[in-house]
Amino acid sequence: MRLVTCLLLALGAGLAGLSLRLFVPVTPVDETFREVVRLYLPKDAGPGSNMPETSAP
């Protein structure tokens, strides 16, 4: 591909992403979703741990 074509594609993808970000509303997280996330949390994980499976035993 030529350089100009690549730059135009990159610009188009960036503008498409920006327009989606501006015009599509963000869905708020509801309480049922938070409950599902809580069910998948490990029982022994502390509040600041995001990777308990890689911590030392």
C-alpha atoms as a PDB file:
ATOM      1  CA  MET A   1       0.000   0.000   0.000  1.00  0.00           C
ATOM      2  CA  ARG A   2       1.150   3.501  -0.635  1.00  0.00           C
ATOM      3  CA  LEU A   3       1.925   5.846   2.225  1.00  0.00           C
ATOM      4  CA  VAL A   4      -0.917   8.235   1.345  1.00  0.00           C
ATOM      5  CA  THR A   5      -3.426   5.382   1.316  1.00  0.00           C
ATOM      6  CA  CYS A   6      -2.246   4.170   4.723  1.00  0.00           C
ATOM      7  CA  LEU A   7      -2.454   7.665   6.172  1.00  0.00           C
ATOM      8  CA  LEU A   8      -5.971   8.167   4.790  1.00  0.00           C
ATOM      9  CA  LEU A   9      -7.089   4.832   6.240  1.00  0.00           C
ATOM     10  CA  ALA A  10      -5.592   5.720   9.621  1.00  0.00           C
ATOM     11  CA  LEU A  11      -7.273   9.121   9.559  1.00  0.00           C
ATOM     12  CA  GLY A  12     -10.602   7.543   8.602  1.00  0.00           C
ATOM     13  CA  ALA A  13     -10.360   4.968  11.389  1.00  0.00           C
ATOM     14  CA  GLY A  14      -9.497   7.668  13.906  1.00  0.00           C
ATOM     15  CA  LEU A  15     -12.386   9.870  12.814  1.00  0.00           C
ATOM     16  CA  ALA A  16     -14.766   6.908  12.900  1.00  0.00           C
ATOM     17  CA  GLY A  17     -13.689   6.052  16.448  1.00  0.00           C
ATOM     18  CA  LEU A  18     -13.978   9.644  17.581  1.00  0.00           C
ATOM     19  CA  SER A  19     -17.415  10.049  16.046  1.00  0.00           C
ATOM     20  CA  LEU A  20     -18.611   6.844  17.720  1.00  0.00           C
ATOM     21  CA  ARG A  21     -17.263   8.085  21.034  1.00  0.00           C
ATOM     22  CA  LEU A  22     -19.062  11.394  20.659  1.00  0.00           C
ATOM     23  CA  PHE A  23     -22.411  10.241  19.266  1.00  0.00           C
ATOM     24  CA  VAL A  24     -23.074   6.846  20.869  1.00  0.00           C
ATOM     25  CA  PRO A  25     -24.085   7.123  24.529  1.00  0.00           C
ATOM     26  CA  VAL A  26     -22.234   5.079  27.122  1.00  0.00           C
ATOM     27  CA  THR A  27     -24.418   2.491  28.831  1.00  0.00           C
ATOM     28  CA  PRO A  28     -24.252   2.925  32.603  1.00  0.00           C
ATOM     29  CA  VAL A  29     -23.365  -0.075  34.747  1.00  0.00           C
ATOM     30  CA  ASP A  30     -26.410  -1.322  36.614  1.00  0.00           C
ATOM     31  CA  GLU A  31     -26.603  -3.252  39.874  1.00  0.00           C
ATOM     32  CA  THR A  32     -27.202  -6.653  38.234  1.00  0.00           C
ATOM     33  CA  PHE A  33     -23.935  -6.358  36.286  1.00  0.00           C
ATOM     34  CA  ARG A  34     -22.075  -5.438  39.466  1.00  0.00           C
ATOM     35  CA  GLU A  35     -23.536  -8.494  41.180  1.00  0.00           C
ATOM     36  CA  VAL A  36     -22.248 -10.753  38.382  1.00  0.00           C
ATOM     37  CA  VAL A  37     -18.782  -9.196  38.676  1.00  0.00           C
ATOM     38  CA  ARG A  38     -18.866  -9.764  42.448  1.00  0.00           C
ATOM     39  CA  LEU A  39     -19.705 -13.442  41.886  1.00  0.00           C
ATOM     40  CA  TYR A  40     -16.585 -13.890  39.748  1.00  0.00           C
ATOM     41  CA  LEU A  41     -14.233 -12.302  42.284  1.00  0.00           C
ATOM     42  CA  PRO A  42     -12.101 -14.791  44.201  1.00  0.00           C
ATOM     43  CA  LYS A  43     -13.074 -15.195  47.837  1.00  0.00           C
ATOM     44  CA  ASP A  44      -9.579 -14.659  49.260  1.00  0.00           C
ATOM     45  CA  ALA A  45      -8.620 -11.618  47.177  1.00  0.00           C
ATOM     46  CA  GLY A  46      -7.871  -8.476  49.088  1.00  0.00           C
ATOM     47  CA  PRO A  47      -9.341  -5.135  48.052  1.00  0.00           C
ATOM     48  CA  GLY A  48      -6.194  -4.028  46.184  1.00  0.00           C
ATOM     49  CA  SER A  49      -5.377  -7.325  44.472  1.00  0.00           C
ATOM     50  CA  ASN A  50      -6.141  -7.656  40.784  1.00  0.00           C
ATOM     51  CA  MET A  51      -4.085 -10.820  40.121  1.00  0.00           C
ATOM     52  CA  PRO A  52      -4.307 -13.147  43.128  1.00  0.00           C
ATOM     53  CA  GLU A  53      -3.423 -16.232  41.081  1.00  0.00           C
ATOM     54  CA  THR A  54       0.121 -14.947  40.489  1.00  0.00           C
ATOM     55  CA  SER A  55       0.847 -13.977  44.083  1.00  0.00           C
ATOM     56  CA  ALA A  56       3.207 -16.002  46.268  1.00  0.00           C
ATOM     57  CA  PRO A  57       1.575 -18.822  48.287  1.00  0.00           C
END
